[in-house]
Amino acid sequence: MKKLLFVLAFAFIGQQAFSQIYIATLTTNNNSSSACSTSALLTKIDPIGNTTYDCLTASAISQNAQGLIELNIGLNSIVSLGYKLIKVTSPTAYNPTNFYTLSSLEGTIWYFAIP
């Protein structure tokens, strides 16, 4: 009986672990009616399905370093909740000459999970 309880407990814990995914993506803000007046938007989706948007300031778009700082702050807010980065997908190929700009990271999706 103890073995059965042990197996069921691990099955439940394993099922819960797969549902703890946090997703973040950097996109262009095409919605002119939104509260964001900038062109870059960090979208974060938590495990429950709530979506939050982090607007990158206008100065962050024009200054590459500032934009990356704000993106880093947004991604670090997820890591500070206890999540670990498990996968990154990018729609564009790696280009070392244009890697440190927000435009080169547009469409990138970061997947975070609880270890």
C-alpha atoms as a PDB file:
ATOM      1  CA  MET A   1       0.000   0.000   0.000  1.00  0.00           C
ATOM      2  CA  LYS A   2       2.894   2.355   0.788  1.00  0.00           C
ATOM      3  CA  LYS A   3       4.434   1.708  -2.618  1.00  0.00           C
ATOM      4  CA  LEU A   4       1.199   2.596  -4.364  1.00  0.00           C
ATOM      5  CA  LEU A   5       0.910   5.816  -2.385  1.00  0.00           C
ATOM      6  CA  PHE A   6       4.547   6.624  -3.188  1.00  0.00           C
ATOM      7  CA  VAL A   7       3.973   6.076  -6.937  1.00  0.00           C
ATOM      8  CA  LEU A   8       0.825   8.224  -6.923  1.00  0.00           C
ATOM      9  CA  ALA A   9       2.588  11.022  -5.071  1.00  0.00           C
ATOM     10  CA  PHE A  10       5.421  11.114  -7.616  1.00  0.00           C
ATOM     11  CA  ALA A  11       2.948  10.989 -10.504  1.00  0.00           C
ATOM     12  CA  PHE A  12       1.145  14.021  -9.074  1.00  0.00           C
ATOM     13  CA  ILE A  13       4.398  15.937  -8.485  1.00  0.00           C
ATOM     14  CA  GLY A  14       5.626  15.097 -11.984  1.00  0.00           C
ATOM     15  CA  GLN A  15       2.387  16.305 -13.534  1.00  0.00           C
ATOM     16  CA  GLN A  16       2.586  19.591 -11.619  1.00  0.00           C
ATOM     17  CA  ALA A  17       6.188  20.195 -12.711  1.00  0.00           C
ATOM     18  CA  PHE A  18       5.235  20.209 -16.383  1.00  0.00           C
ATOM     19  CA  SER A  19       2.578  22.848 -15.831  1.00  0.00           C
ATOM     20  CA  GLN A  20       4.981  25.432 -14.366  1.00  0.00           C
ATOM     21  CA  ILE A  21       6.161  27.088 -17.600  1.00  0.00           C
ATOM     22  CA  TYR A  22       6.663  30.857 -17.892  1.00  0.00           C
ATOM     23  CA  ILE A  23       6.967  32.292 -21.427  1.00  0.00           C
ATOM     24  CA  ALA A  24       8.390  35.669 -22.477  1.00  0.00           C
ATOM     25  CA  THR A  25       8.672  37.148 -25.957  1.00  0.00           C
ATOM     26  CA  LEU A  26       9.877  40.415 -27.464  1.00  0.00           C
ATOM     27  CA  THR A  27       7.558  41.786 -30.143  1.00  0.00           C
ATOM     28  CA  THR A  28       6.749  44.945 -32.023  1.00  0.00           C
ATOM     29  CA  ASN A  29       3.841  46.922 -30.615  1.00  0.00           C
ATOM     30  CA  ASN A  30       1.493  47.256 -33.589  1.00  0.00           C
ATOM     31  CA  ASN A  31      -1.485  48.336 -31.487  1.00  0.00           C
ATOM     32  CA  SER A  32      -1.567  52.130 -31.523  1.00  0.00           C
ATOM     33  CA  SER A  33      -4.484  52.192 -29.057  1.00  0.00           C
ATOM     34  CA  SER A  34      -2.551  50.411 -26.294  1.00  0.00           C
ATOM     35  CA  ALA A  35      -1.070  52.157 -23.269  1.00  0.00           C
ATOM     36  CA  CYS A  36       2.360  51.471 -24.734  1.00  0.00           C
ATOM     37  CA  SER A  37       3.493  54.233 -27.044  1.00  0.00           C
ATOM     38  CA  THR A  38       6.782  52.551 -27.899  1.00  0.00           C
ATOM     39  CA  SER A  39       7.616  50.103 -30.634  1.00  0.00           C
ATOM     40  CA  ALA A  40       9.017  47.271 -28.469  1.00  0.00           C
ATOM     41  CA  LEU A  41       6.979  45.199 -26.063  1.00  0.00           C
ATOM     42  CA  LEU A  42       8.054  42.389 -23.717  1.00  0.00           C
ATOM     43  CA  THR A  43       5.106  40.025 -23.284  1.00  0.00           C
ATOM     44  CA  LYS A  44       5.191  37.648 -20.300  1.00  0.00           C
ATOM     45  CA  ILE A  45       2.743  34.755 -19.810  1.00  0.00           C
ATOM     46  CA  ASP A  46       2.714  33.122 -16.384  1.00  0.00           C
ATOM     47  CA  PRO A  47       1.766  29.465 -15.693  1.00  0.00           C
ATOM     48  CA  ILE A  48      -1.839  30.432 -14.899  1.00  0.00           C
ATOM     49  CA  GLY A  49      -2.210  32.145 -18.276  1.00  0.00           C
ATOM     50  CA  ASN A  50      -2.145  35.775 -17.169  1.00  0.00           C
ATOM     51  CA  THR A  51      -0.423  38.027 -19.687  1.00  0.00           C
ATOM     52  CA  THR A  52       1.591  41.079 -18.667  1.00  0.00           C
ATOM     53  CA  TYR A  53       3.233  43.599 -20.947  1.00  0.00           C
ATOM     54  CA  ASP A  54       6.424  45.535 -20.261  1.00  0.00           C
ATOM     55  CA  CYS A  55       6.789  48.575 -22.488  1.00  0.00           C
ATOM     56  CA  LEU A  56      10.343  49.488 -23.400  1.00  0.00           C
ATOM     57  CA  THR A  57      10.793  53.237 -23.334  1.00  0.00           C
ATOM     58  CA  ALA A  58      11.304  55.257 -26.495  1.00  0.00           C
ATOM     59  CA  SER A  59      14.873  56.028 -25.470  1.00  0.00           C
ATOM     60  CA  ALA A  60      15.457  52.309 -24.978  1.00  0.00           C
ATOM     61  CA  ILE A  61      14.575  51.627 -28.591  1.00  0.00           C
ATOM     62  CA  SER A  62      17.014  54.183 -29.975  1.00  0.00           C
ATOM     63  CA  GLN A  63      19.842  53.323 -27.578  1.00  0.00           C
ATOM     64  CA  ASN A  64      20.834  49.677 -27.883  1.00  0.00           C
ATOM     65  CA  ALA A  65      22.434  49.358 -24.449  1.00  0.00           C
ATOM     66  CA  GLN A  66      19.456  50.896 -22.623  1.00  0.00           C
ATOM     67  CA  GLY A  67      17.040  48.627 -24.492  1.00  0.00           C
ATOM     68  CA  LEU A  68      18.998  45.547 -23.526  1.00  0.00           C
ATOM     69  CA  ILE A  69      19.111  46.739 -19.911  1.00  0.00           C
ATOM     70  CA  GLU A  70      15.325  47.019 -19.793  1.00  0.00           C
ATOM     71  CA  LEU A  71      14.953  43.621 -21.475  1.00  0.00           C
ATOM     72  CA  ASN A  72      17.364  42.148 -18.924  1.00  0.00           C
ATOM     73  CA  ILE A  73      15.336  43.628 -16.053  1.00  0.00           C
ATOM     74  CA  GLY A  74      12.157  42.098 -17.482  1.00  0.00           C
ATOM     75  CA  LEU A  75      13.693  38.639 -17.854  1.00  0.00           C
ATOM     76  CA  ASN A  76      15.383  38.849 -14.436  1.00  0.00           C
ATOM     77  CA  SER A  77      11.989  39.505 -12.849  1.00  0.00           C
ATOM     78  CA  ILE A  78      10.990  36.007 -13.993  1.00  0.00           C
ATOM     79  CA  VAL A  79      14.240  34.451 -12.746  1.00  0.00           C
ATOM     80  CA  SER A  80      13.767  36.120  -9.357  1.00  0.00           C
ATOM     81  CA  LEU A  81      10.523  34.134  -8.966  1.00  0.00           C
ATOM     82  CA  GLY A  82      12.572  30.915  -8.982  1.00  0.00           C
ATOM     83  CA  TYR A  83      12.329  30.014 -12.663  1.00  0.00           C
ATOM     84  CA  LYS A  84      15.275  28.814 -14.738  1.00  0.00           C
ATOM     85  CA  LEU A  85      15.770  29.435 -18.447  1.00  0.00           C
ATOM     86  CA  ILE A  86      15.259  26.134 -20.274  1.00  0.00           C
ATOM     87  CA  LYS A  87      14.992  27.104 -23.940  1.00  0.00           C
ATOM     88  CA  VAL A  88      15.337  30.070 -26.287  1.00  0.00           C
ATOM     89  CA  THR A  89      13.913  30.109 -29.791  1.00  0.00           C
ATOM     90  CA  SER A  90      14.707  32.819 -32.307  1.00  0.00           C
ATOM     91  CA  PRO A  91      13.099  33.335 -35.719  1.00  0.00           C
ATOM     92  CA  THR A  92      16.291  34.811 -37.146  1.00  0.00           C
ATOM     93  CA  ALA A  93      19.700  33.276 -37.626  1.00  0.00           C
ATOM     94  CA  TYR A  94      22.527  34.373 -35.370  1.00  0.00           C
ATOM     95  CA  ASN A  95      24.321  37.405 -36.794  1.00  0.00           C
ATOM     96  CA  PRO A  96      27.290  38.517 -34.669  1.00  0.00           C
ATOM     97  CA  THR A  97      27.335  42.002 -36.199  1.00  0.00           C
ATOM     98  CA  ASN A  98      23.725  42.766 -35.241  1.00  0.00           C
ATOM     99  CA  PHE A  99      23.287  40.678 -32.081  1.00  0.00           C
ATOM    100  CA  TYR A 100      23.277  43.473 -29.503  1.00  0.00           C
ATOM    101  CA  THR A 101      20.201  45.326 -30.727  1.00  0.00           C
ATOM    102  CA  LEU A 102      16.565  44.928 -29.795  1.00  0.00           C
ATOM    103  CA  SER A 103      15.570  44.576 -33.433  1.00  0.00           C
ATOM    104  CA  SER A 104      17.766  41.487 -33.770  1.00  0.00           C
ATOM    105  CA  LEU A 105      15.993  39.932 -30.764  1.00  0.00           C
ATOM    106  CA  GLU A 106      12.460  40.639 -32.032  1.00  0.00           C
ATOM    107  CA  GLY A 107      10.356  37.489 -32.107  1.00  0.00           C
ATOM    108  CA  THR A 108      12.642  35.631 -29.703  1.00  0.00           C
ATOM    109  CA  ILE A 109      10.796  33.439 -27.202  1.00  0.00           C
ATOM    110  CA  TRP A 110      12.267  32.585 -23.797  1.00  0.00           C
ATOM    111  CA  TYR A 111      10.907  29.544 -21.918  1.00  0.00           C
ATOM    112  CA  PHE A 112      11.354  29.355 -18.151  1.00  0.00           C
ATOM    113  CA  ALA A 113      10.467  26.488 -15.799  1.00  0.00           C
ATOM    114  CA  ILE A 114      10.645  25.616 -12.126  1.00  0.00           C
ATOM    115  CA  PRO A 115      13.567  23.202 -11.583  1.00  0.00           C
END
